[in-house]
Protein backbone atom coordinates (compact mmCIF):
# COMPACT_ATOMS: atom_id res chain seq x y z
CA UNK A 1 93.56 100.92 -51.53
CA UNK A 2 96.60 102.93 -50.44
CA UNK A 3 95.79 105.75 -52.86
CA UNK A 4 92.17 105.80 -51.60
CA UNK A 5 93.32 106.11 -47.99
CA UNK A 6 95.74 108.85 -48.98
CA UNK A 7 93.04 110.82 -50.76
CA UNK A 8 90.67 110.45 -47.79
CA UNK A 9 93.36 111.73 -45.41
CA UNK A 10 93.97 114.72 -47.68
CA UNK A 11 90.20 115.37 -47.77
CA UNK A 12 89.97 115.29 -43.95
CA UNK A 13 92.91 117.68 -43.61
CA UNK A 14 91.28 120.00 -46.14
CA UNK A 15 87.94 119.93 -44.29
CA UNK A 16 89.68 120.67 -40.97
CA UNK A 17 91.53 123.58 -42.60
CA UNK A 18 88.30 124.89 -44.13
CA UNK A 19 86.44 124.77 -40.83
CA UNK A 20 89.28 126.51 -38.95
CA UNK A 21 89.72 129.19 -41.62
CA UNK A 22 85.96 129.77 -41.86
CA UNK A 23 85.79 130.35 -38.11
CA UNK A 24 88.46 133.02 -38.43
CA UNK A 25 86.66 134.66 -41.36
CA UNK A 26 83.24 134.46 -39.70
CA UNK A 27 84.53 136.45 -36.73
CA UNK A 28 84.64 139.45 -39.06
CA UNK A 29 80.91 139.27 -39.78
CA UNK A 30 78.80 141.92 -38.09
CA UNK A 31 75.53 140.39 -36.85
CA UNK A 32 72.77 142.42 -35.24
CA UNK A 33 69.08 142.18 -34.32
CA UNK A 34 67.15 139.42 -32.59
CA UNK A 35 67.78 137.99 -29.13
CA UNK A 36 67.95 134.68 -27.26
CA UNK A 37 65.04 133.42 -25.18
CA UNK A 38 66.54 132.53 -21.81
CA UNK A 39 66.06 129.06 -20.29
CA UNK A 40 64.21 127.82 -23.37
CA UNK A 41 64.86 124.81 -25.61
CA UNK A 42 63.34 123.56 -28.87
CA UNK A 43 63.23 119.77 -28.61
CA UNK A 44 63.84 118.60 -32.18
CA UNK A 45 66.66 116.64 -33.78
CA UNK A 46 69.58 118.95 -34.53
CA UNK A 47 71.14 119.32 -37.96
CA UNK A 48 74.58 119.56 -36.37
CA UNK A 49 76.11 119.97 -32.92
CA UNK A 50 79.21 122.01 -32.11
CA UNK A 51 81.08 122.17 -28.81
CA UNK A 52 83.21 124.83 -27.14
CA UNK A 53 81.88 127.85 -29.01
CA UNK A 54 80.14 131.04 -27.93
CA UNK A 55 76.52 132.04 -28.63
CA UNK A 56 77.42 134.57 -31.34
CA UNK A 57 79.55 132.01 -33.19
CA UNK A 58 76.63 129.58 -32.85
CA UNK A 59 74.38 132.03 -34.71
CA UNK A 60 77.06 132.64 -37.34
CA UNK A 61 77.40 128.90 -37.97
CA UNK A 62 73.63 128.67 -38.44
CA UNK A 63 73.74 131.41 -41.05
CA UNK A 64 76.54 129.62 -42.90
CA UNK A 65 74.71 126.24 -43.05
CA UNK A 66 71.93 126.15 -45.62
CA UNK A 67 68.53 125.32 -44.13
CA UNK A 68 69.37 126.31 -40.55
CA UNK A 69 66.77 128.73 -39.18
CA UNK A 70 67.23 128.50 -35.38
CA UNK A 71 69.68 127.42 -32.67
CA UNK A 72 69.71 125.92 -29.20
CA UNK A 73 72.64 127.04 -27.06
CA UNK A 74 73.82 125.31 -23.88
CA UNK A 75 75.53 127.96 -21.77
CA UNK A 76 77.07 125.43 -19.37
CA UNK A 77 78.68 123.07 -21.87
CA UNK A 78 79.09 125.74 -24.59
CA UNK A 79 77.25 123.46 -27.01
CA UNK A 80 75.50 124.77 -30.10
CA UNK A 81 72.69 122.92 -31.92
CA UNK A 82 71.82 124.03 -35.44
CA UNK A 83 68.11 123.52 -36.10
CA UNK A 84 65.87 123.35 -39.16
CA UNK A 85 62.22 123.40 -38.09
CA UNK A 86 59.31 123.49 -40.51
CA UNK A 87 56.26 124.05 -38.30
CA UNK A 88 55.62 127.61 -37.05
CA UNK A 89 53.55 126.24 -34.16
CA UNK A 90 56.35 124.88 -32.02
CA UNK A 91 56.44 124.68 -28.20
CA UNK A 92 59.58 125.57 -26.26
CA UNK A 93 60.56 123.60 -23.16
CA UNK A 94 61.79 125.25 -19.97
CA UNK A 95 65.40 124.13 -19.44
CA UNK A 96 67.63 126.22 -17.21
CA UNK A 97 70.90 127.30 -18.78
CA UNK A 98 69.70 126.80 -22.36
CA UNK A 99 68.89 129.52 -24.86
CA UNK A 100 66.90 129.52 -28.08
CA UNK A 101 66.61 131.93 -30.98
CA UNK A 102 65.38 132.00 -34.54
CA UNK A 103 67.62 133.74 -37.05
CA UNK A 104 64.90 135.30 -39.21
CA UNK A 105 65.19 138.59 -37.30
CA UNK A 106 68.99 138.60 -37.38
CA UNK A 107 70.92 140.52 -40.02
CA UNK A 108 74.57 140.83 -40.95
CA UNK A 109 76.68 142.79 -43.37
CA UNK A 110 76.28 141.54 -46.92
CA UNK A 111 79.22 139.36 -47.97
CA UNK A 112 79.99 136.40 -50.22
CA UNK A 113 78.18 134.01 -47.83
CA UNK A 114 75.25 136.25 -46.89
CA UNK A 115 72.59 135.93 -48.05
CA UNK A 116 73.65 132.27 -48.14
CA UNK A 117 74.12 131.28 -51.83
CA UNK A 118 74.56 127.54 -51.14
CA UNK A 119 71.89 124.86 -51.36
CA UNK A 120 71.45 121.33 -50.08
CA UNK A 121 73.42 119.88 -47.20
CA UNK A 122 76.24 122.40 -47.44
CA UNK A 123 78.07 125.07 -45.50
CA UNK A 124 79.11 128.31 -47.20
CA UNK A 125 82.81 129.07 -46.79
CA UNK A 126 84.03 132.60 -47.53
CA UNK A 127 86.87 132.64 -50.04
CA UNK A 128 89.16 135.39 -51.21
CA UNK A 129 88.06 138.18 -53.57
CA UNK A 130 84.47 138.01 -52.31
CA UNK A 131 84.05 134.45 -53.60
CA UNK A 132 82.59 131.45 -51.76
CA UNK A 133 82.78 127.65 -51.59
CA UNK A 134 79.83 125.34 -50.76
CA UNK A 135 81.25 122.50 -48.64
CA UNK A 136 79.18 119.34 -48.22
CA UNK A 137 78.89 117.96 -44.68
CA UNK A 138 77.51 114.68 -43.33
CA UNK A 139 77.49 114.54 -39.53
CA UNK A 140 78.50 116.60 -36.52
CA UNK A 141 82.30 116.62 -36.40
CA UNK A 142 84.07 115.69 -33.16
CA UNK A 143 87.38 117.49 -32.87
CA UNK A 144 90.05 114.99 -31.71
CA UNK A 145 91.48 117.56 -29.26
CA UNK A 146 88.20 118.57 -27.60
CA UNK A 147 85.42 115.97 -27.47
CA UNK A 148 81.76 116.72 -26.82
CA UNK A 149 79.20 116.16 -24.04
CA UNK A 150 75.52 115.53 -24.85
CA UNK A 151 72.55 114.54 -22.68
CA UNK A 152 68.89 113.62 -22.75
CA UNK A 153 66.42 116.51 -22.90
CA UNK A 154 66.02 118.39 -19.58
CA UNK A 155 68.86 116.45 -17.88
CA UNK A 156 69.40 116.25 -14.90
CA UNK A 157 65.63 116.66 -14.73
CA UNK A 158 63.25 114.02 -16.07
CA UNK A 159 63.10 113.72 -19.86
CA UNK A 160 59.71 114.41 -21.54
CA UNK A 161 57.09 111.80 -22.40
CA UNK A 162 57.14 110.49 -25.98
CA UNK A 163 60.54 112.04 -26.52
CA UNK A 164 62.53 111.40 -29.72
CA UNK A 165 66.10 112.60 -30.17
CA UNK A 166 68.85 111.60 -32.60
CA UNK A 167 72.46 112.63 -33.16
CA UNK A 168 75.01 111.65 -35.83
CA UNK A 169 78.74 112.16 -35.38
CA UNK A 170 81.97 111.60 -37.24
CA UNK A 171 85.63 112.27 -36.68
CA UNK A 172 88.67 112.31 -38.94
CA UNK A 173 89.45 109.31 -41.13
CA UNK A 174 91.36 106.66 -39.19
CA UNK A 175 89.85 107.72 -35.86
CA UNK A 176 87.20 106.04 -33.71
CA UNK A 177 84.68 107.52 -31.31
CA UNK A 178 84.39 106.54 -27.66
CA UNK A 179 81.16 106.96 -25.67
CA UNK A 180 81.77 107.39 -21.94
CA UNK A 181 78.71 107.50 -19.67
CA UNK A 182 78.60 110.00 -16.80
CA UNK A 183 75.03 109.03 -15.87
CA UNK A 184 72.30 106.72 -17.15
CA UNK A 185 68.75 106.07 -15.91
CA UNK A 186 65.75 105.17 -18.10
CA UNK A 187 62.57 103.14 -17.73
CA UNK A 188 63.66 99.56 -18.33
CA UNK A 189 62.62 98.08 -21.70
CA UNK A 190 60.41 101.09 -22.51
CA UNK A 191 62.68 104.12 -22.82
CA UNK A 192 65.65 103.05 -24.95
CA UNK A 193 68.96 104.52 -26.06
CA UNK A 194 70.15 102.99 -29.35
CA UNK A 195 73.77 103.31 -30.42
CA UNK A 196 74.84 102.47 -33.95
CA UNK A 197 78.60 101.96 -33.87
CA UNK A 198 79.27 102.14 -37.61
CA UNK A 199 78.46 104.41 -40.53
CA UNK A 200 76.06 101.86 -42.08
CA UNK A 201 73.79 102.05 -38.97
CA UNK A 202 73.43 98.28 -38.61
CA UNK A 203 72.88 96.17 -35.46
CA UNK A 204 72.38 98.85 -32.80
CA UNK A 205 73.32 98.45 -29.15
CA UNK A 206 70.14 98.90 -27.07
CA UNK A 207 70.49 100.33 -23.57
CA UNK A 208 67.84 100.81 -20.88
CA UNK A 209 67.51 100.57 -17.11
CA UNK A 210 69.41 102.22 -14.27
CA UNK A 211 72.93 100.82 -14.49
CA UNK A 212 75.72 102.92 -16.01
CA UNK A 213 77.09 101.14 -19.12
CA UNK A 214 80.77 100.73 -19.79
CA UNK A 215 82.53 102.64 -22.55
CA UNK A 216 81.38 101.92 -26.12
CA UNK A 217 83.73 102.21 -29.11
CA UNK A 218 82.66 102.87 -32.69
CA UNK A 219 83.69 100.44 -35.43
CA UNK A 220 84.81 103.24 -37.76
CA UNK A 221 84.90 107.04 -37.70
CA UNK A 222 81.10 107.49 -37.49
CA UNK A 223 78.48 107.01 -34.79
CA UNK A 224 74.69 107.42 -34.60
CA UNK A 225 72.66 107.76 -31.38
CA UNK A 226 68.87 107.62 -30.93
CA UNK A 227 66.73 107.97 -27.81
CA UNK A 228 63.00 107.32 -27.46
CA UNK A 229 60.65 107.38 -24.48
CA UNK A 230 57.02 106.33 -24.08
CA UNK A 231 54.05 107.98 -22.36
CA UNK A 232 54.45 106.47 -18.88
CA UNK A 233 57.26 106.64 -16.29
CA UNK A 234 60.07 109.17 -16.72
CA UNK A 235 63.64 109.08 -15.41
CA UNK A 236 66.53 111.55 -15.53
CA UNK A 237 68.07 110.04 -18.64
CA UNK A 238 71.72 110.21 -19.54
CA UNK A 239 74.81 112.34 -19.85
CA UNK A 240 77.61 111.08 -22.09
CA UNK A 241 81.03 112.25 -23.18
CA UNK A 242 82.15 111.65 -26.80
CA UNK A 243 85.85 111.71 -27.60
CA UNK A 244 88.11 110.16 -30.20
CA UNK A 245 91.07 107.80 -30.35
CA UNK A 246 93.24 106.60 -33.19
CA UNK A 247 92.21 103.30 -34.75
């Protein structure tokens, strides 16, 4: 058991190093073409969510993750959502302060990670001597020093009818994730926020109504969140802060 924990800690340190080093390398990439659509948002489940990054880095991260073909960018929170949509007939929502773009019109200098040579649920990491590494990822990673804020669609406005959103997060091995609610208001018993506090996604906590819940702590280093609304009454939804603590 001790050797397993040691190997997992080494893996987490390696992944953190890879993500930091790839951000430094990706800054050298020259991206051109395309543009963001202002105050627009594509309301689908994100592949991954990143916090505290700029819009250009958001696009670069999309290009490095296989399957990503568009991004939502939150200019207020500096959040980036990587998206993989399959239908060309999508409808964008009006959401002030959010920006959307597809990456099919964007180009960058050819390098070891572009065109992206990786496949599956992987991110291409540029290596030395024009080589690359395909790194497997699971969930959105919450940096222990930063945290992340997410909200229901259109918050602080009313969320859409028949809305479905889901997020999956993890942090480093040995850490746990805290959910702190800034705001919460949904139609009682009809529009529900489900929180799965462990990686096996068992026995969710179901939240609805207009009271602000207390903090919720994950059982391990992973957390899954789902929100669903029906076709009737709408409320302003929720805004929550995710941060980590040591187990």
